[in-house]
Amino acid sequence: MAAKADSGKSDRISTKSKISAKLDNPMRRKATPTDWSIKGELILNCSCTVFCPCVVSLGAHPPTEGHCHAWMGIIIDEGHYEGEDLSGLNVGLLVDIPGRMAEGNWKVAAYVDDRASGKAYNGLLQIFSGQAGGTTGLFTMLVSEIIGAERAPVVIERDGTFRRIMIERKIQGEVEMLTGKNNEEPVIVRNTKYWMGPDVIVAKGNKSRVRDYGRVWDFDGMSAEICPIDWKGERSFKYDKNLKKIVQR
């Protein structure tokens, strides 16, 4: 588990000066190959009225409402950034996309688990801004504005077919897997080329709201998805938890 951050620090990055200091906006961001990896699960709830058309169309099809408002929650079961352990941490994202996902112009805010060490916090910002390269490197092309980044108590729960997220009063949500003909198994879209991962569980939002950065969104009954993730940077190294060091694959 990553070390708990020092208390008393101001961790919200919302002004242009603070973003420039720690998290470059897109005109300055470039993906740099870095040794990192994240294995876990991504949960997403958005404003689409039917299951996300981006999964199959890879972002080419427009969202059902013409825009995509969404929150994402990332559970890191195992992970590292340049030797710093990320295992056990959570990350939340607020995502505002004006049109087709693949056309970019995303506006994003990041909420990093307040249990993260300083190095883990900065590493996660590098990963989720795309600057660390690898799986999330495409964010340097898709995200046009980083509207904020901060430490926060990001609580994500797994409870059978349910997933819940709570980031204070800023993001609160519950999604539920949809079952198929066999009520014991969820509906899964398999073997996709979706950037998150090849297998995506179909879900719906039960109770879901966003109240931050001027956004007032409600996603009750809207599209949701749950996706096992196995993301990594571009270098051929891995973090060995037993040896507690980076080793070549």
C-alpha atoms as a PDB file:
ATOM      1  CA  MET A   1       0.000   0.000   0.000  1.00  0.00           C
ATOM      2  CA  ALA A   2       1.309   3.425  -0.851  1.00  0.00           C
ATOM      3  CA  ALA A   3       2.186   5.660   2.065  1.00  0.00           C
ATOM      4  CA  LYS A   4      -0.342   8.131   3.390  1.00  0.00           C
ATOM      5  CA  ALA A   5       0.266  11.665   2.224  1.00  0.00           C
ATOM      6  CA  ASP A   6       1.445  14.349   4.620  1.00  0.00           C
ATOM      7  CA  SER A   7      -1.463  16.245   6.126  1.00  0.00           C
ATOM      8  CA  GLY A   8      -1.885  19.986   5.915  1.00  0.00           C
ATOM      9  CA  LYS A   9      -0.821  20.355   2.302  1.00  0.00           C
ATOM     10  CA  SER A  10      -2.899  22.152  -0.288  1.00  0.00           C
ATOM     11  CA  ASP A  11      -3.487  19.487  -2.916  1.00  0.00           C
ATOM     12  CA  ARG A  12      -6.148  20.929  -5.184  1.00  0.00           C
ATOM     13  CA  ILE A  13      -4.709  22.047  -8.521  1.00  0.00           C
ATOM     14  CA  SER A  14      -7.312  24.200 -10.213  1.00  0.00           C
ATOM     15  CA  THR A  15      -5.626  27.477 -11.131  1.00  0.00           C
ATOM     16  CA  LYS A  16      -3.631  27.827 -14.331  1.00  0.00           C
ATOM     17  CA  SER A  17      -0.434  28.501 -12.405  1.00  0.00           C
ATOM     18  CA  LYS A  18      -0.719  25.318 -10.365  1.00  0.00           C
ATOM     19  CA  ILE A  19      -1.636  23.230 -13.390  1.00  0.00           C
ATOM     20  CA  SER A  20       1.362  24.616 -15.267  1.00  0.00           C
ATOM     21  CA  ALA A  21       3.627  23.713 -12.361  1.00  0.00           C
ATOM     22  CA  LYS A  22       2.530  20.107 -11.867  1.00  0.00           C
ATOM     23  CA  LEU A  23       0.269  19.030 -14.709  1.00  0.00           C
ATOM     24  CA  ASP A  24       0.881  20.610 -18.093  1.00  0.00           C
ATOM     25  CA  ASN A  25      -2.075  21.481 -20.260  1.00  0.00           C
ATOM     26  CA  PRO A  26      -2.226  19.857 -23.713  1.00  0.00           C
ATOM     27  CA  MET A  27      -0.317  22.467 -25.709  1.00  0.00           C
ATOM     28  CA  ARG A  28       2.727  21.548 -23.607  1.00  0.00           C
ATOM     29  CA  ARG A  29       2.056  17.859 -22.919  1.00  0.00           C
ATOM     30  CA  LYS A  30       3.919  15.144 -24.779  1.00  0.00           C
ATOM     31  CA  ALA A  31       3.911  11.420 -24.068  1.00  0.00           C
ATOM     32  CA  THR A  32       7.257  10.199 -22.755  1.00  0.00           C
ATOM     33  CA  PRO A  33       7.777   6.419 -22.512  1.00  0.00           C
ATOM     34  CA  THR A  34       7.857   5.583 -18.807  1.00  0.00           C
ATOM     35  CA  ASP A  35       7.917   2.383 -16.778  1.00  0.00           C
ATOM     36  CA  TRP A  36       4.476   2.023 -15.215  1.00  0.00           C
ATOM     37  CA  SER A  37       1.623  -0.451 -15.039  1.00  0.00           C
ATOM     38  CA  ILE A  38      -1.895  -0.659 -13.639  1.00  0.00           C
ATOM     39  CA  LYS A  39      -4.018  -3.792 -13.255  1.00  0.00           C
ATOM     40  CA  GLY A  40      -7.495  -3.520 -11.832  1.00  0.00           C
ATOM     41  CA  GLU A  41     -10.912  -2.338 -12.890  1.00  0.00           C
ATOM     42  CA  LEU A  42     -12.437   0.735 -14.487  1.00  0.00           C
ATOM     43  CA  ILE A  43     -16.039   1.761 -13.784  1.00  0.00           C
ATOM     44  CA  LEU A  44     -17.765   4.368 -15.942  1.00  0.00           C
ATOM     45  CA  ASN A  45     -21.202   5.987 -15.909  1.00  0.00           C
ATOM     46  CA  CYS A  46     -22.146   8.445 -18.631  1.00  0.00           C
ATOM     47  CA  SER A  47     -25.010  10.430 -20.129  1.00  0.00           C
ATOM     48  CA  CYS A  48     -25.797   7.999 -22.976  1.00  0.00           C
ATOM     49  CA  THR A  49     -29.339   6.623 -22.775  1.00  0.00           C
ATOM     50  CA  VAL A  50     -28.352   3.206 -24.176  1.00  0.00           C
ATOM     51  CA  PHE A  51     -25.125   1.233 -23.791  1.00  0.00           C
ATOM     52  CA  CYS A  52     -22.091   3.280 -24.797  1.00  0.00           C
ATOM     53  CA  PRO A  53     -21.736   3.322 -28.618  1.00  0.00           C
ATOM     54  CA  CYS A  54     -18.024   4.125 -28.224  1.00  0.00           C
ATOM     55  CA  VAL A  55     -17.176   0.550 -27.213  1.00  0.00           C
ATOM     56  CA  VAL A  56     -17.929  -0.990 -30.610  1.00  0.00           C
ATOM     57  CA  SER A  57     -17.407   2.089 -32.818  1.00  0.00           C
ATOM     58  CA  LEU A  58     -14.150   2.995 -30.999  1.00  0.00           C
ATOM     59  CA  GLY A  59     -15.400   6.529 -30.527  1.00  0.00           C
ATOM     60  CA  ALA A  60     -16.452   7.119 -34.136  1.00  0.00           C
ATOM     61  CA  HIS A  61     -20.197   7.021 -33.392  1.00  0.00           C
ATOM     62  CA  PRO A  62     -21.652  10.093 -31.655  1.00  0.00           C
ATOM     63  CA  PRO A  63     -22.942   9.742 -28.084  1.00  0.00           C
ATOM     64  CA  THR A  64     -26.723   9.329 -27.880  1.00  0.00           C
ATOM     65  CA  GLU A  65     -27.142  12.871 -26.516  1.00  0.00           C
ATOM     66  CA  GLY A  66     -24.600  14.421 -28.881  1.00  0.00           C
ATOM     67  CA  HIS A  67     -22.140  14.892 -26.015  1.00  0.00           C
ATOM     68  CA  CYS A  68     -20.678  12.632 -23.344  1.00  0.00           C
ATOM     69  CA  HIS A  69     -20.672  13.636 -19.696  1.00  0.00           C
ATOM     70  CA  ALA A  70     -19.155  10.962 -17.493  1.00  0.00           C
ATOM     71  CA  TRP A  71     -17.361   9.959 -14.348  1.00  0.00           C
ATOM     72  CA  MET A  72     -14.802   7.182 -14.189  1.00  0.00           C
ATOM     73  CA  GLY A  73     -13.476   5.274 -11.207  1.00  0.00           C
ATOM     74  CA  ILE A  74     -10.257   3.267 -11.414  1.00  0.00           C
ATOM     75  CA  ILE A  75      -9.411   0.580  -8.859  1.00  0.00           C
ATOM     76  CA  ILE A  76      -5.699  -0.264  -8.865  1.00  0.00           C
ATOM     77  CA  ASP A  77      -5.263  -3.832  -7.609  1.00  0.00           C
ATOM     78  CA  GLU A  78      -1.626  -3.940  -8.703  1.00  0.00           C
ATOM     79  CA  GLY A  79       0.504  -1.187 -10.125  1.00  0.00           C
ATOM     80  CA  HIS A  80       3.657   0.880 -10.034  1.00  0.00           C
ATOM     81  CA  TYR A  81       5.127   4.063 -11.441  1.00  0.00           C
ATOM     82  CA  GLU A  82       8.919   4.172 -11.832  1.00  0.00           C
ATOM     83  CA  GLY A  83       9.340   1.821  -8.866  1.00  0.00           C
ATOM     84  CA  GLU A  84       6.701   3.453  -6.633  1.00  0.00           C
ATOM     85  CA  ASP A  85       3.950   1.037  -5.600  1.00  0.00           C
ATOM     86  CA  LEU A  86       0.432   2.116  -6.637  1.00  0.00           C
ATOM     87  CA  SER A  87      -1.365  -1.027  -5.447  1.00  0.00           C
ATOM     88  CA  GLY A  88      -4.534  -0.412  -3.449  1.00  0.00           C
ATOM     89  CA  LEU A  89      -5.073   3.158  -4.641  1.00  0.00           C
ATOM     90  CA  ASN A  90      -8.131   4.584  -6.420  1.00  0.00           C
ATOM     91  CA  VAL A  91      -8.513   7.380  -8.969  1.00  0.00           C
ATOM     92  CA  GLY A  92     -11.615   9.276 -10.060  1.00  0.00           C
ATOM     93  CA  LEU A  93     -12.087  11.268 -13.260  1.00  0.00           C
ATOM     94  CA  LEU A  94     -14.680  13.815 -14.351  1.00  0.00           C
ATOM     95  CA  VAL A  95     -14.881  13.770 -18.156  1.00  0.00           C
ATOM     96  CA  ASP A  96     -16.695  16.270 -20.399  1.00  0.00           C
ATOM     97  CA  ILE A  97     -16.635  15.382 -24.120  1.00  0.00           C
ATOM     98  CA  PRO A  98     -18.477  17.747 -26.513  1.00  0.00           C
ATOM     99  CA  GLY A  99     -19.041  15.239 -29.341  1.00  0.00           C
ATOM    100  CA  ARG A 100     -17.576  12.015 -30.687  1.00  0.00           C
ATOM    101  CA  MET A 101     -15.022  10.528 -28.318  1.00  0.00           C
ATOM    102  CA  ALA A 102     -12.411  10.105 -31.058  1.00  0.00           C
ATOM    103  CA  GLU A 103     -12.612  13.778 -32.075  1.00  0.00           C
ATOM    104  CA  GLY A 104     -11.078  14.909 -28.798  1.00  0.00           C
ATOM    105  CA  ASN A 105     -11.581  18.263 -27.070  1.00  0.00           C
ATOM    106  CA  TRP A 106     -12.129  16.461 -23.754  1.00  0.00           C
ATOM    107  CA  LYS A 107     -12.139  18.448 -20.530  1.00  0.00           C
ATOM    108  CA  VAL A 108     -10.989  16.375 -17.570  1.00  0.00           C
ATOM    109  CA  ALA A 109     -10.575  16.714 -13.810  1.00  0.00           C
ATOM    110  CA  ALA A 110      -8.644  14.133 -11.775  1.00  0.00           C
ATOM    111  CA  TYR A 111      -9.143  13.036  -8.168  1.00  0.00           C
ATOM    112  CA  VAL A 112      -6.218  11.050  -6.776  1.00  0.00           C
ATOM    113  CA  ASP A 113      -6.529   8.892  -3.665  1.00  0.00           C
ATOM    114  CA  ASP A 114      -5.431  10.925  -0.645  1.00  0.00           C
ATOM    115  CA  ARG A 115      -3.531   7.866   0.645  1.00  0.00           C
ATOM    116  CA  ALA A 116      -1.016   8.182  -2.200  1.00  0.00           C
ATOM    117  CA  SER A 117       2.569   9.169  -1.455  1.00  0.00           C
ATOM    118  CA  GLY A 118       3.906  12.277  -3.147  1.00  0.00           C
ATOM    119  CA  LYS A 119       5.664  10.220  -5.827  1.00  0.00           C
ATOM    120  CA  ALA A 120       2.575   8.069  -6.403  1.00  0.00           C
ATOM    121  CA  TYR A 121       0.367  11.163  -6.663  1.00  0.00           C
ATOM    122  CA  ASN A 122       2.597  12.821  -9.245  1.00  0.00           C
ATOM    123  CA  GLY A 123       3.009   9.528 -11.107  1.00  0.00           C
ATOM    124  CA  LEU A 124      -0.751   9.022 -11.360  1.00  0.00           C
ATOM    125  CA  LEU A 125      -1.134  12.548 -12.722  1.00  0.00           C
ATOM    126  CA  GLN A 126       1.494  11.724 -15.343  1.00  0.00           C
ATOM    127  CA  ILE A 127      -0.354   8.517 -16.262  1.00  0.00           C
ATOM    128  CA  PHE A 128      -3.829  10.044 -16.466  1.00  0.00           C
ATOM    129  CA  SER A 129      -2.666  13.142 -18.337  1.00  0.00           C
ATOM    130  CA  GLY A 130      -1.087  10.835 -20.935  1.00  0.00           C
ATOM    131  CA  GLN A 131       2.411  12.151 -20.303  1.00  0.00           C
ATOM    132  CA  ALA A 132       3.668   8.757 -19.108  1.00  0.00           C
ATOM    133  CA  GLY A 133       2.921   7.223 -22.517  1.00  0.00           C
ATOM    134  CA  GLY A 134       1.710   3.674 -23.012  1.00  0.00           C
ATOM    135  CA  THR A 135      -1.987   2.801 -22.773  1.00  0.00           C
ATOM    136  CA  THR A 136      -3.106   6.266 -21.650  1.00  0.00           C
ATOM    137  CA  GLY A 137      -0.746   8.148 -23.959  1.00  0.00           C
ATOM    138  CA  LEU A 138      -3.693   8.872 -26.260  1.00  0.00           C
ATOM    139  CA  PHE A 139      -4.947  11.363 -23.653  1.00  0.00           C
ATOM    140  CA  THR A 140      -2.319  13.832 -24.887  1.00  0.00           C
ATOM    141  CA  MET A 141      -4.289  13.923 -28.151  1.00  0.00           C
ATOM    142  CA  LEU A 142      -7.846  13.646 -26.819  1.00  0.00           C
ATOM    143  CA  VAL A 143      -7.758  15.949 -23.778  1.00  0.00           C
ATOM    144  CA  SER A 144      -7.756  19.634 -24.692  1.00  0.00           C
ATOM    145  CA  GLU A 145      -8.115  21.040 -21.180  1.00  0.00           C
ATOM    146  CA  ILE A 146      -7.256  19.773 -17.717  1.00  0.00           C
ATOM    147  CA  ILE A 147      -9.688  21.702 -15.552  1.00  0.00           C
ATOM    148  CA  GLY A 148      -8.279  20.499 -12.243  1.00  0.00           C
ATOM    149  CA  ALA A 149      -6.462  17.851 -10.239  1.00  0.00           C
ATOM    150  CA  GLU A 150      -6.503  17.198  -6.516  1.00  0.00           C
ATOM    151  CA  ARG A 151      -6.076  14.724  -3.704  1.00  0.00           C
ATOM    152  CA  ALA A 152      -9.370  13.414  -2.363  1.00  0.00           C
ATOM    153  CA  PRO A 153     -10.799  10.473  -0.407  1.00  0.00           C
ATOM    154  CA  VAL A 154     -11.705   8.333  -3.441  1.00  0.00           C
ATOM    155  CA  VAL A 155     -13.800   5.433  -2.125  1.00  0.00           C
ATOM    156  CA  ILE A 156     -14.767   2.678  -4.591  1.00  0.00           C
ATOM    157  CA  GLU A 157     -16.628  -0.453  -3.507  1.00  0.00           C
ATOM    158  CA  ARG A 158     -17.081  -3.810  -5.231  1.00  0.00           C
ATOM    159  CA  ASP A 159     -20.236  -5.554  -4.061  1.00  0.00           C
ATOM    160  CA  GLY A 160     -21.226  -8.502  -6.257  1.00  0.00           C
ATOM    161  CA  THR A 161     -22.841  -7.041  -9.381  1.00  0.00           C
ATOM    162  CA  PHE A 162     -22.694  -3.508  -7.940  1.00  0.00           C
ATOM    163  CA  ARG A 163     -19.927  -0.915  -8.001  1.00  0.00           C
ATOM    164  CA  ARG A 164     -20.064   2.285  -5.962  1.00  0.00           C
ATOM    165  CA  ILE A 165     -17.951   5.428  -5.918  1.00  0.00           C
ATOM    166  CA  MET A 166     -17.871   8.323  -3.485  1.00  0.00           C
ATOM    167  CA  ILE A 167     -15.608  11.350  -3.746  1.00  0.00           C
ATOM    168  CA  GLU A 168     -17.001  13.524  -0.983  1.00  0.00           C
ATOM    169  CA  ARG A 169     -20.089  15.256  -2.445  1.00  0.00           C
ATOM    170  CA  LYS A 170     -18.406  15.826  -5.786  1.00  0.00           C
ATOM    171  CA  ILE A 171     -19.032  12.425  -7.379  1.00  0.00           C
ATOM    172  CA  GLN A 172     -21.422   9.848  -5.935  1.00  0.00           C
ATOM    173  CA  GLY A 173     -22.530   6.887  -7.983  1.00  0.00           C
ATOM    174  CA  GLU A 174     -23.705   3.303  -8.076  1.00  0.00           C
ATOM    175  CA  VAL A 175     -23.748   1.115 -11.175  1.00  0.00           C
ATOM    176  CA  GLU A 176     -25.149  -2.386 -11.600  1.00  0.00           C
ATOM    177  CA  MET A 177     -24.150  -5.107 -14.052  1.00  0.00           C
ATOM    178  CA  LEU A 178     -26.905  -6.220 -16.422  1.00  0.00           C
ATOM    179  CA  THR A 179     -27.471  -9.969 -16.564  1.00  0.00           C
ATOM    180  CA  GLY A 180     -28.244 -12.003 -19.674  1.00  0.00           C
ATOM    181  CA  LYS A 181     -30.314 -15.116 -20.315  1.00  0.00           C
ATOM    182  CA  ASN A 182     -28.342 -16.764 -17.537  1.00  0.00           C
ATOM    183  CA  ASN A 183     -29.141 -14.564 -14.548  1.00  0.00           C
ATOM    184  CA  GLU A 184     -25.929 -15.652 -12.874  1.00  0.00           C
ATOM    185  CA  GLU A 185     -23.722 -14.032 -15.521  1.00  0.00           C
ATOM    186  CA  PRO A 186     -23.453 -10.417 -16.705  1.00  0.00           C
ATOM    187  CA  VAL A 187     -23.709  -9.337 -20.329  1.00  0.00           C
ATOM    188  CA  ILE A 188     -20.160  -8.895 -21.657  1.00  0.00           C
ATOM    189  CA  VAL A 189     -18.964  -7.419 -24.949  1.00  0.00           C
ATOM    190  CA  ARG A 190     -15.822  -9.440 -25.680  1.00  0.00           C
ATOM    191  CA  ASN A 191     -12.743  -9.160 -27.867  1.00  0.00           C
ATOM    192  CA  THR A 192     -13.111  -5.462 -28.665  1.00  0.00           C
ATOM    193  CA  LYS A 193     -10.365  -3.023 -29.659  1.00  0.00           C
ATOM    194  CA  TYR A 194     -11.607  -0.534 -27.065  1.00  0.00           C
ATOM    195  CA  TRP A 195      -8.758   1.411 -25.471  1.00  0.00           C
ATOM    196  CA  MET A 196      -9.825   0.522 -21.923  1.00  0.00           C
ATOM    197  CA  GLY A 197      -9.692  -3.233 -22.467  1.00  0.00           C
ATOM    198  CA  PRO A 198     -11.028  -5.980 -24.746  1.00  0.00           C
ATOM    199  CA  ASP A 199     -13.858  -7.226 -22.478  1.00  0.00           C
ATOM    200  CA  VAL A 200     -16.483  -4.755 -21.277  1.00  0.00           C
ATOM    201  CA  ILE A 201     -19.320  -5.591 -18.874  1.00  0.00           C
ATOM    202  CA  VAL A 202     -22.616  -3.879 -19.714  1.00  0.00           C
ATOM    203  CA  ALA A 203     -24.120  -2.003 -16.761  1.00  0.00           C
ATOM    204  CA  LYS A 204     -26.487   0.831 -15.872  1.00  0.00           C
ATOM    205  CA  GLY A 205     -26.373   3.707 -13.427  1.00  0.00           C
ATOM    206  CA  ASN A 206     -28.675   3.404 -10.425  1.00  0.00           C
ATOM    207  CA  LYS A 207     -27.839   6.452  -8.342  1.00  0.00           C
ATOM    208  CA  SER A 208     -25.312   8.748  -9.897  1.00  0.00           C
ATOM    209  CA  ARG A 209     -24.473  12.432  -9.662  1.00  0.00           C
ATOM    210  CA  VAL A 210     -21.629  14.865 -10.316  1.00  0.00           C
ATOM    211  CA  ARG A 211     -21.395  18.234  -8.572  1.00  0.00           C
ATOM    212  CA  ASP A 212     -18.042  19.877  -9.223  1.00  0.00           C
ATOM    213  CA  TYR A 213     -16.278  22.350 -11.519  1.00  0.00           C
ATOM    214  CA  GLY A 214     -19.643  23.887 -12.411  1.00  0.00           C
ATOM    215  CA  ARG A 215     -20.998  20.545 -13.633  1.00  0.00           C
ATOM    216  CA  VAL A 216     -24.393  19.403 -12.356  1.00  0.00           C
ATOM    217  CA  TRP A 217     -24.973  15.963 -13.869  1.00  0.00           C
ATOM    218  CA  ASP A 218     -27.317  13.093 -13.006  1.00  0.00           C
ATOM    219  CA  PHE A 219     -26.916   9.661 -14.619  1.00  0.00           C
ATOM    220  CA  ASP A 220     -29.647   7.573 -12.979  1.00  0.00           C
ATOM    221  CA  GLY A 221     -30.666   4.835 -15.435  1.00  0.00           C
ATOM    222  CA  MET A 222     -27.998   5.840 -17.952  1.00  0.00           C
ATOM    223  CA  SER A 223     -25.277   3.776 -19.638  1.00  0.00           C
ATOM    224  CA  ALA A 224     -22.505   2.305 -17.530  1.00  0.00           C
ATOM    225  CA  GLU A 225     -19.678  -0.146 -18.045  1.00  0.00           C
ATOM    226  CA  ILE A 226     -17.192  -2.114 -15.990  1.00  0.00           C
ATOM    227  CA  CYS A 227     -13.917  -3.121 -17.580  1.00  0.00           C
ATOM    228  CA  PRO A 228     -10.986  -5.181 -16.279  1.00  0.00           C
ATOM    229  CA  ILE A 229      -7.842  -3.226 -17.139  1.00  0.00           C
ATOM    230  CA  ASP A 230      -4.215  -4.167 -17.733  1.00  0.00           C
ATOM    231  CA  TRP A 231      -2.447  -0.962 -18.723  1.00  0.00           C
ATOM    232  CA  LYS A 232       1.251  -0.266 -18.997  1.00  0.00           C
ATOM    233  CA  GLY A 233       3.929   2.071 -20.239  1.00  0.00           C
ATOM    234  CA  GLU A 234       6.083   1.357 -23.256  1.00  0.00           C
ATOM    235  CA  ARG A 235       9.244   0.034 -21.640  1.00  0.00           C
ATOM    236  CA  SER A 236       9.794  -3.697 -21.321  1.00  0.00           C
ATOM    237  CA  PHE A 237      10.194  -3.720 -17.536  1.00  0.00           C
ATOM    238  CA  LYS A 238       7.996  -4.685 -14.618  1.00  0.00           C
ATOM    239  CA  TYR A 239       7.881  -4.023 -10.887  1.00  0.00           C
ATOM    240  CA  ASP A 240       8.583  -7.152  -8.830  1.00  0.00           C
ATOM    241  CA  LYS A 241       6.642  -6.776  -5.565  1.00  0.00           C
ATOM    242  CA  ASN A 242       8.680  -9.513  -3.855  1.00  0.00           C
ATOM    243  CA  LEU A 243      12.047  -8.041  -4.808  1.00  0.00           C
ATOM    244  CA  LYS A 244      10.626  -4.503  -4.498  1.00  0.00           C
ATOM    245  CA  LYS A 245      12.445  -3.324  -7.575  1.00  0.00           C
ATOM    246  CA  ILE A 246      12.069  -2.988 -11.338  1.00  0.00           C
ATOM    247  CA  VAL A 247      13.250  -6.007 -13.315  1.00  0.00           C
ATOM    248  CA  GLN A 248      13.431  -6.699 -17.025  1.00  0.00           C
ATOM    249  CA  ARG A 249      10.597  -8.820 -18.451  1.00  0.00           C
END
